[in-house]
Amino acid sequence: MARHLKERTGEAETREYDANVRRTVETILEDIETRGDAAVRELSEKFDKWSPESFRLSNAEIADLVAGVPQETIDDIKFAQEQVRNFAQIQRDAIKDVEVETLPGVTLGHKNIPVNSVGCYVPGGRYPMVASAHMSVVTAKVAGVDRVIACTPPTDGKPHAETIAAMHLGGADEIYLMGGIQAVGAMAIGTESIDPVDMLVGPGNAFVAETKRQLYGRVGIDLFAGPTEILVVADETSDVEII
């Protein structure tokens, strides 16, 4: 007998939820636009119980956090980033600039020019998505972006050391400990302490996705990333390492 672990949400409930997400994001973005750092601080305290003197981690704080990560984990991060970096470089090398004189005095072509700055969002929570740092920070640096900033929320009231290590080793120029709408909004809109970026990348929950949607046009975005779902069918013959 099949057992339902989760029932499908009704259409009316889904519409109501989506409308609430839109309104919430719109209100918070307007608040950040108006009050800057003060709004970000209040929101961080409300949602993450986090209100430090500075949301940006200093070089000393980053070094201390990285030093506390087991060497095996550091090696794993470096290995993963090397794979991402190598393939991203191959992709970048395959994109060639073109300039040709089709007629005397008529020159046509195109150039691939990186944006000046990118804001990378790396989700935290119960299962911090360390790999998102590899796929955003590393690739932005390979593309030639001068300023790459990264945001991730605190985990249990403190930085998630492995995520910070991945951001740092990936080449992030600025690392901020804040999450959700306030982080994505601050990167795009800018505040007294955070210069705005040209483009936002990275996954997140429904509120993060809606924030990117509402900010699209003001800044560039990568895509609207949905939830990551997977079903594993396994038995005693399955390879535990692969699973």
C-alpha atoms as a PDB file:
ATOM      1  CA  MET A   1       0.000   0.000   0.000  1.00  0.00           C
ATOM      2  CA  ALA A   2       1.451   3.331  -1.052  1.00  0.00           C
ATOM      3  CA  ARG A   3       1.773   5.911   1.715  1.00  0.00           C
ATOM      4  CA  HIS A   4       1.702   9.614   0.905  1.00  0.00           C
ATOM      5  CA  LEU A   5       4.408  11.503   2.764  1.00  0.00           C
ATOM      6  CA  LYS A   6       3.251  14.860   1.433  1.00  0.00           C
ATOM      7  CA  GLU A   7       0.018  15.912  -0.222  1.00  0.00           C
ATOM      8  CA  ARG A   8      -0.132  18.343  -3.117  1.00  0.00           C
ATOM      9  CA  THR A   9      -1.047  21.891  -2.117  1.00  0.00           C
ATOM     10  CA  GLY A  10      -4.361  23.131  -3.470  1.00  0.00           C
ATOM     11  CA  GLU A  11      -4.397  25.649  -6.320  1.00  0.00           C
ATOM     12  CA  ALA A  12      -5.977  28.384  -4.197  1.00  0.00           C
ATOM     13  CA  GLU A  13      -3.420  27.876  -1.431  1.00  0.00           C
ATOM     14  CA  THR A  14      -0.584  28.037  -3.949  1.00  0.00           C
ATOM     15  CA  ARG A  15      -1.862  31.315  -5.402  1.00  0.00           C
ATOM     16  CA  GLU A  16      -2.233  32.798  -1.923  1.00  0.00           C
ATOM     17  CA  TYR A  17       1.286  31.705  -0.969  1.00  0.00           C
ATOM     18  CA  ASP A  18       2.778  33.129  -4.170  1.00  0.00           C
ATOM     19  CA  ALA A  19       0.987  36.436  -3.640  1.00  0.00           C
ATOM     20  CA  ASN A  20       2.275  36.618  -0.072  1.00  0.00           C
ATOM     21  CA  VAL A  21       5.833  35.982  -1.255  1.00  0.00           C
ATOM     22  CA  ARG A  22       5.547  38.756  -3.853  1.00  0.00           C
ATOM     23  CA  ARG A  23       4.160  41.260  -1.343  1.00  0.00           C
ATOM     24  CA  THR A  24       6.757  40.386   1.281  1.00  0.00           C
ATOM     25  CA  VAL A  25       9.654  40.783  -1.145  1.00  0.00           C
ATOM     26  CA  GLU A  26       8.303  44.044  -2.556  1.00  0.00           C
ATOM     27  CA  THR A  27       7.901  45.545   0.928  1.00  0.00           C
ATOM     28  CA  ILE A  28      11.383  44.524   2.052  1.00  0.00           C
ATOM     29  CA  LEU A  29      13.079  45.802  -1.105  1.00  0.00           C
ATOM     30  CA  GLU A  30      11.342  49.166  -0.696  1.00  0.00           C
ATOM     31  CA  ASP A  31      12.572  49.272   2.907  1.00  0.00           C
ATOM     32  CA  ILE A  32      16.166  48.536   1.867  1.00  0.00           C
ATOM     33  CA  GLU A  33      15.920  51.182  -0.840  1.00  0.00           C
ATOM     34  CA  THR A  34      14.747  53.739   1.717  1.00  0.00           C
ATOM     35  CA  ARG A  35      16.714  52.887   4.852  1.00  0.00           C
ATOM     36  CA  GLY A  36      19.745  50.947   3.630  1.00  0.00           C
ATOM     37  CA  ASP A  37      21.871  49.361   6.338  1.00  0.00           C
ATOM     38  CA  ALA A  38      19.301  50.043   9.062  1.00  0.00           C
ATOM     39  CA  ALA A  39      16.698  47.983   7.218  1.00  0.00           C
ATOM     40  CA  VAL A  40      19.156  45.170   6.517  1.00  0.00           C
ATOM     41  CA  ARG A  41      20.139  45.050  10.190  1.00  0.00           C
ATOM     42  CA  GLU A  42      16.540  44.883  11.415  1.00  0.00           C
ATOM     43  CA  LEU A  43      15.669  42.163   8.924  1.00  0.00           C
ATOM     44  CA  SER A  44      18.738  40.113   9.798  1.00  0.00           C
ATOM     45  CA  GLU A  45      17.886  40.349  13.485  1.00  0.00           C
ATOM     46  CA  LYS A  46      14.276  39.362  12.769  1.00  0.00           C
ATOM     47  CA  PHE A  47      14.931  36.389  10.493  1.00  0.00           C
ATOM     48  CA  ASP A  48      18.391  35.162  11.523  1.00  0.00           C
ATOM     49  CA  LYS A  49      18.811  36.574  15.054  1.00  0.00           C
ATOM     50  CA  TRP A  50      22.024  38.109  13.721  1.00  0.00           C
ATOM     51  CA  SER A  51      23.042  41.737  14.139  1.00  0.00           C
ATOM     52  CA  PRO A  52      26.846  42.125  14.209  1.00  0.00           C
ATOM     53  CA  GLU A  53      28.737  45.395  14.170  1.00  0.00           C
ATOM     54  CA  SER A  54      29.676  44.660  10.560  1.00  0.00           C
ATOM     55  CA  PHE A  55      28.098  42.103   8.236  1.00  0.00           C
ATOM     56  CA  ARG A  56      31.282  41.959   6.204  1.00  0.00           C
ATOM     57  CA  LEU A  57      33.812  39.465   7.532  1.00  0.00           C
ATOM     58  CA  SER A  58      37.300  40.853   8.021  1.00  0.00           C
ATOM     59  CA  ASN A  59      40.379  39.135   6.629  1.00  0.00           C
ATOM     60  CA  ALA A  60      41.270  38.049  10.166  1.00  0.00           C
ATOM     61  CA  GLU A  61      37.814  36.548  10.755  1.00  0.00           C
ATOM     62  CA  ILE A  62      37.975  34.694   7.452  1.00  0.00           C
ATOM     63  CA  ALA A  63      41.454  33.351   8.238  1.00  0.00           C
ATOM     64  CA  ASP A  64      40.309  32.114  11.665  1.00  0.00           C
ATOM     65  CA  LEU A  65      37.296  30.344  10.175  1.00  0.00           C
ATOM     66  CA  VAL A  66      39.313  28.700   7.402  1.00  0.00           C
ATOM     67  CA  ALA A  67      41.940  27.582   9.923  1.00  0.00           C
ATOM     68  CA  GLY A  68      39.220  25.748  11.862  1.00  0.00           C
ATOM     69  CA  VAL A  69      38.109  23.642   8.889  1.00  0.00           C
ATOM     70  CA  PRO A  70      39.596  20.110   8.805  1.00  0.00           C
ATOM     71  CA  GLN A  71      42.376  19.737   6.235  1.00  0.00           C
ATOM     72  CA  GLU A  72      40.507  16.900   4.529  1.00  0.00           C
ATOM     73  CA  THR A  73      37.568  19.240   3.932  1.00  0.00           C
ATOM     74  CA  ILE A  74      39.885  21.973   2.640  1.00  0.00           C
ATOM     75  CA  ASP A  75      41.415  19.466   0.236  1.00  0.00           C
ATOM     76  CA  ASP A  76      37.940  18.414  -0.936  1.00  0.00           C
ATOM     77  CA  ILE A  77      36.959  22.052  -1.529  1.00  0.00           C
ATOM     78  CA  LYS A  78      40.153  22.717  -3.486  1.00  0.00           C
ATOM     79  CA  PHE A  79      39.662  19.577  -5.572  1.00  0.00           C
ATOM     80  CA  ALA A  80      36.053  20.452  -6.423  1.00  0.00           C
ATOM     81  CA  GLN A  81      36.966  24.026  -7.290  1.00  0.00           C
ATOM     82  CA  GLU A  82      39.822  22.881  -9.495  1.00  0.00           C
ATOM     83  CA  GLN A  83      37.376  20.809 -11.562  1.00  0.00           C
ATOM     84  CA  VAL A  84      34.928  23.700 -11.852  1.00  0.00           C
ATOM     85  CA  ARG A  85      37.694  26.185 -12.654  1.00  0.00           C
ATOM     86  CA  ASN A  86      39.284  23.993 -15.314  1.00  0.00           C
ATOM     87  CA  PHE A  87      36.030  23.406 -17.183  1.00  0.00           C
ATOM     88  CA  ALA A  88      34.932  27.032 -16.844  1.00  0.00           C
ATOM     89  CA  GLN A  89      38.251  28.106 -18.339  1.00  0.00           C
ATOM     90  CA  ILE A  90      37.758  25.719 -21.255  1.00  0.00           C
ATOM     91  CA  GLN A  91      34.309  27.228 -21.816  1.00  0.00           C
ATOM     92  CA  ARG A  92      35.692  30.766 -21.620  1.00  0.00           C
ATOM     93  CA  ASP A  93      38.503  29.960 -24.038  1.00  0.00           C
ATOM     94  CA  ALA A  94      35.934  28.630 -26.514  1.00  0.00           C
ATOM     95  CA  ILE A  95      34.197  32.024 -26.655  1.00  0.00           C
ATOM     96  CA  LYS A  96      36.258  34.037 -29.091  1.00  0.00           C
ATOM     97  CA  ASP A  97      36.169  37.731 -29.881  1.00  0.00           C
ATOM     98  CA  VAL A  98      35.509  38.426 -33.557  1.00  0.00           C
ATOM     99  CA  GLU A  99      36.495  41.438 -35.654  1.00  0.00           C
ATOM    100  CA  VAL A 100      36.440  41.404 -39.431  1.00  0.00           C
ATOM    101  CA  GLU A 101      36.502  44.045 -42.163  1.00  0.00           C
ATOM    102  CA  THR A 102      33.678  42.941 -44.463  1.00  0.00           C
ATOM    103  CA  LEU A 103      34.132  45.866 -46.855  1.00  0.00           C
ATOM    104  CA  PRO A 104      36.706  48.624 -47.022  1.00  0.00           C
ATOM    105  CA  GLY A 105      36.033  50.780 -43.977  1.00  0.00           C
ATOM    106  CA  VAL A 106      33.290  48.465 -42.631  1.00  0.00           C
ATOM    107  CA  THR A 107      34.326  46.469 -39.567  1.00  0.00           C
ATOM    108  CA  LEU A 108      31.966  44.056 -37.839  1.00  0.00           C
ATOM    109  CA  GLY A 109      32.503  41.939 -34.770  1.00  0.00           C
ATOM    110  CA  HIS A 110      31.718  41.191 -31.176  1.00  0.00           C
ATOM    111  CA  LYS A 111      33.585  41.212 -27.889  1.00  0.00           C
ATOM    112  CA  ASN A 112      32.942  39.230 -24.734  1.00  0.00           C
ATOM    113  CA  ILE A 113      33.344  41.663 -21.851  1.00  0.00           C
ATOM    114  CA  PRO A 114      32.757  40.569 -18.233  1.00  0.00           C
ATOM    115  CA  VAL A 115      30.564  42.653 -15.958  1.00  0.00           C
ATOM    116  CA  ASN A 116      32.397  44.704 -13.339  1.00  0.00           C
ATOM    117  CA  SER A 117      30.825  43.100 -10.269  1.00  0.00           C
ATOM    118  CA  VAL A 118      28.809  40.046  -9.290  1.00  0.00           C
ATOM    119  CA  GLY A 119      26.928  39.181  -6.105  1.00  0.00           C
ATOM    120  CA  CYS A 120      26.900  35.464  -5.274  1.00  0.00           C
ATOM    121  CA  TYR A 121      24.262  34.087  -2.912  1.00  0.00           C
ATOM    122  CA  VAL A 122      25.089  30.817  -1.154  1.00  0.00           C
ATOM    123  CA  PRO A 123      22.164  29.335   0.826  1.00  0.00           C
ATOM    124  CA  GLY A 124      22.656  28.216   4.415  1.00  0.00           C
ATOM    125  CA  GLY A 125      20.164  26.765   6.856  1.00  0.00           C
ATOM    126  CA  ARG A 126      19.970  23.131   7.870  1.00  0.00           C
ATOM    127  CA  TYR A 127      22.026  21.971   4.887  1.00  0.00           C
ATOM    128  CA  PRO A 128      24.382  24.761   3.734  1.00  0.00           C
ATOM    129  CA  MET A 129      25.039  24.523  -0.012  1.00  0.00           C
ATOM    130  CA  VAL A 130      28.823  24.779  -0.089  1.00  0.00           C
ATOM    131  CA  ALA A 131      28.898  23.728  -3.747  1.00  0.00           C
ATOM    132  CA  SER A 132      27.028  26.916  -4.683  1.00  0.00           C
ATOM    133  CA  ALA A 133      30.192  28.836  -3.810  1.00  0.00           C
ATOM    134  CA  HIS A 134      32.160  26.739  -6.290  1.00  0.00           C
ATOM    135  CA  MET A 135      29.625  27.248  -9.062  1.00  0.00           C
ATOM    136  CA  SER A 136      29.239  31.004  -8.593  1.00  0.00           C
ATOM    137  CA  VAL A 137      32.378  32.571  -7.120  1.00  0.00           C
ATOM    138  CA  VAL A 138      34.833  30.425  -9.071  1.00  0.00           C
ATOM    139  CA  THR A 139      33.083  30.819 -12.421  1.00  0.00           C
ATOM    140  CA  ALA A 140      32.748  34.593 -11.988  1.00  0.00           C
ATOM    141  CA  LYS A 141      36.477  34.862 -11.392  1.00  0.00           C
ATOM    142  CA  VAL A 142      37.255  32.728 -14.430  1.00  0.00           C
ATOM    143  CA  ALA A 143      35.006  35.011 -16.485  1.00  0.00           C
ATOM    144  CA  GLY A 144      37.198  37.942 -15.469  1.00  0.00           C
ATOM    145  CA  VAL A 145      34.868  39.757 -13.059  1.00  0.00           C
ATOM    146  CA  ASP A 146      36.908  42.267 -11.041  1.00  0.00           C
ATOM    147  CA  ARG A 147      34.729  42.385  -7.926  1.00  0.00           C
ATOM    148  CA  VAL A 148      32.998  39.255  -6.678  1.00  0.00           C
ATOM    149  CA  ILE A 149      31.093  39.507  -3.415  1.00  0.00           C
ATOM    150  CA  ALA A 150      29.430  36.602  -1.642  1.00  0.00           C
ATOM    151  CA  CYS A 151      26.668  36.377   0.954  1.00  0.00           C
ATOM    152  CA  THR A 152      25.549  33.473   3.102  1.00  0.00           C
ATOM    153  CA  PRO A 153      23.346  33.444   6.209  1.00  0.00           C
ATOM    154  CA  PRO A 154      24.635  32.506   9.659  1.00  0.00           C
ATOM    155  CA  THR A 155      24.056  28.948  10.830  1.00  0.00           C
ATOM    156  CA  ASP A 156      22.923  28.704  14.458  1.00  0.00           C
ATOM    157  CA  GLY A 157      24.065  32.265  15.068  1.00  0.00           C
ATOM    158  CA  LYS A 158      27.557  31.925  13.632  1.00  0.00           C
ATOM    159  CA  PRO A 159      29.357  31.621  10.288  1.00  0.00           C
ATOM    160  CA  HIS A 160      29.357  28.236   8.581  1.00  0.00           C
ATOM    161  CA  ALA A 161      33.109  27.746   8.355  1.00  0.00           C
ATOM    162  CA  GLU A 162      33.113  25.364   5.378  1.00  0.00           C
ATOM    163  CA  THR A 163      31.006  27.753   3.303  1.00  0.00           C
ATOM    164  CA  ILE A 164      33.236  30.703   4.189  1.00  0.00           C
ATOM    165  CA  ALA A 165      36.285  28.610   3.275  1.00  0.00           C
ATOM    166  CA  ALA A 166      34.764  27.753  -0.109  1.00  0.00           C
ATOM    167  CA  MET A 167      33.976  31.412  -0.809  1.00  0.00           C
ATOM    168  CA  HIS A 168      37.467  32.498   0.202  1.00  0.00           C
ATOM    169  CA  LEU A 169      39.308  29.765  -1.685  1.00  0.00           C
ATOM    170  CA  GLY A 170      37.101  30.430  -4.706  1.00  0.00           C
ATOM    171  CA  GLY A 171      38.350  34.013  -4.843  1.00  0.00           C
ATOM    172  CA  ALA A 172      35.574  36.124  -3.292  1.00  0.00           C
ATOM    173  CA  ASP A 173      36.736  39.712  -2.785  1.00  0.00           C
ATOM    174  CA  GLU A 174      34.149  40.498  -0.096  1.00  0.00           C
ATOM    175  CA  ILE A 175      32.249  38.064   2.136  1.00  0.00           C
ATOM    176  CA  TYR A 176      29.112  39.085   4.042  1.00  0.00           C
ATOM    177  CA  LEU A 177      27.300  37.051   6.673  1.00  0.00           C
ATOM    178  CA  MET A 178      23.652  37.709   5.901  1.00  0.00           C
ATOM    179  CA  GLY A 179      20.929  35.841   4.112  1.00  0.00           C
ATOM    180  CA  GLY A 180      17.561  35.912   2.445  1.00  0.00           C
ATOM    181  CA  ILE A 181      15.818  38.858   0.831  1.00  0.00           C
ATOM    182  CA  GLN A 182      17.938  41.348   2.747  1.00  0.00           C
ATOM    183  CA  ALA A 183      21.195  39.886   1.411  1.00  0.00           C
ATOM    184  CA  VAL A 184      20.109  39.685  -2.219  1.00  0.00           C
ATOM    185  CA  GLY A 185      18.436  43.079  -2.018  1.00  0.00           C
ATOM    186  CA  ALA A 186      21.459  44.746  -0.428  1.00  0.00           C
ATOM    187  CA  MET A 187      23.791  43.380  -3.103  1.00  0.00           C
ATOM    188  CA  ALA A 188      21.595  44.663  -5.923  1.00  0.00           C
ATOM    189  CA  ILE A 189      20.351  47.954  -4.477  1.00  0.00           C
ATOM    190  CA  GLY A 190      23.403  48.840  -2.420  1.00  0.00           C
ATOM    191  CA  THR A 191      23.559  50.361   1.057  1.00  0.00           C
ATOM    192  CA  GLU A 192      25.856  52.695   2.946  1.00  0.00           C
ATOM    193  CA  SER A 193      28.292  49.816   3.507  1.00  0.00           C
ATOM    194  CA  ILE A 194      27.755  47.677   0.386  1.00  0.00           C
ATOM    195  CA  ASP A 195      28.335  48.904  -3.151  1.00  0.00           C
ATOM    196  CA  PRO A 196      25.725  47.516  -5.576  1.00  0.00           C
ATOM    197  CA  VAL A 197      26.646  44.806  -8.065  1.00  0.00           C
ATOM    198  CA  ASP A 198      25.891  44.433 -11.764  1.00  0.00           C
ATOM    199  CA  MET A 199      24.638  40.853 -11.582  1.00  0.00           C
ATOM    200  CA  LEU A 200      23.153  38.399  -9.067  1.00  0.00           C
ATOM    201  CA  VAL A 201      23.781  34.653  -9.166  1.00  0.00           C
ATOM    202  CA  GLY A 202      23.003  31.707  -6.944  1.00  0.00           C
ATOM    203  CA  PRO A 203      20.047  29.592  -5.792  1.00  0.00           C
ATOM    204  CA  GLY A 204      17.712  30.063  -2.851  1.00  0.00           C
ATOM    205  CA  ASN A 205      14.215  29.512  -1.530  1.00  0.00           C
ATOM    206  CA  ALA A 206      11.004  31.003  -2.933  1.00  0.00           C
ATOM    207  CA  PHE A 207      11.741  34.384  -1.356  1.00  0.00           C
ATOM    208  CA  VAL A 208      15.249  34.559  -2.822  1.00  0.00           C
ATOM    209  CA  ALA A 209      13.957  33.530  -6.263  1.00  0.00           C
ATOM    210  CA  GLU A 210      11.219  36.175  -6.119  1.00  0.00           C
ATOM    211  CA  THR A 211      13.734  38.793  -5.005  1.00  0.00           C
ATOM    212  CA  LYS A 212      15.854  38.053  -8.068  1.00  0.00           C
ATOM    213  CA  ARG A 213      12.752  38.220 -10.263  1.00  0.00           C
ATOM    214  CA  GLN A 214      11.776  41.649  -8.954  1.00  0.00           C
ATOM    215  CA  LEU A 215      15.328  42.965  -9.276  1.00  0.00           C
ATOM    216  CA  TYR A 216      15.817  41.640 -12.812  1.00  0.00           C
ATOM    217  CA  GLY A 217      16.365  44.586 -15.110  1.00  0.00           C
ATOM    218  CA  ARG A 218      17.967  46.647 -12.394  1.00  0.00           C
ATOM    219  CA  VAL A 219      20.685  43.999 -12.321  1.00  0.00           C
ATOM    220  CA  GLY A 220      21.348  40.934 -14.404  1.00  0.00           C
ATOM    221  CA  ILE A 221      20.583  37.479 -13.010  1.00  0.00           C
ATOM    222  CA  ASP A 222      21.636  33.960 -13.883  1.00  0.00           C
ATOM    223  CA  LEU A 223      18.286  32.129 -13.752  1.00  0.00           C
ATOM    224  CA  PHE A 224      15.349  31.359 -11.484  1.00  0.00           C
ATOM    225  CA  ALA A 225      16.637  28.320  -9.620  1.00  0.00           C
ATOM    226  CA  GLY A 226      13.939  26.006  -8.327  1.00  0.00           C
ATOM    227  CA  PRO A 227      14.165  23.469  -5.497  1.00  0.00           C
ATOM    228  CA  THR A 228      16.649  20.629  -5.783  1.00  0.00           C
ATOM    229  CA  GLU A 229      14.811  17.320  -5.566  1.00  0.00           C
ATOM    230  CA  ILE A 230      16.041  13.770  -5.996  1.00  0.00           C
ATOM    231  CA  LEU A 231      14.622  10.285  -5.521  1.00  0.00           C
ATOM    232  CA  VAL A 232      17.057   7.482  -4.729  1.00  0.00           C
ATOM    233  CA  VAL A 233      15.948   3.876  -5.206  1.00  0.00           C
ATOM    234  CA  ALA A 234      18.461   1.559  -3.545  1.00  0.00           C
ATOM    235  CA  ASP A 235      18.807  -1.824  -1.881  1.00  0.00           C
ATOM    236  CA  GLU A 236      21.541  -3.864  -0.208  1.00  0.00           C
ATOM    237  CA  THR A 237      23.380  -4.304  -3.524  1.00  0.00           C
ATOM    238  CA  SER A 238      23.821  -0.558  -4.083  1.00  0.00           C
ATOM    239  CA  ASP A 239      27.191   1.173  -3.833  1.00  0.00           C
ATOM    240  CA  VAL A 240      27.100   3.209  -0.626  1.00  0.00           C
ATOM    241  CA  GLU A 241      29.842   5.567  -1.814  1.00  0.00           C
ATOM    242  CA  ILE A 242      27.896   6.489  -4.943  1.00  0.00           C
ATOM    243  CA  ILE A 243      24.641   7.014  -3.025  1.00  0.00           C
END
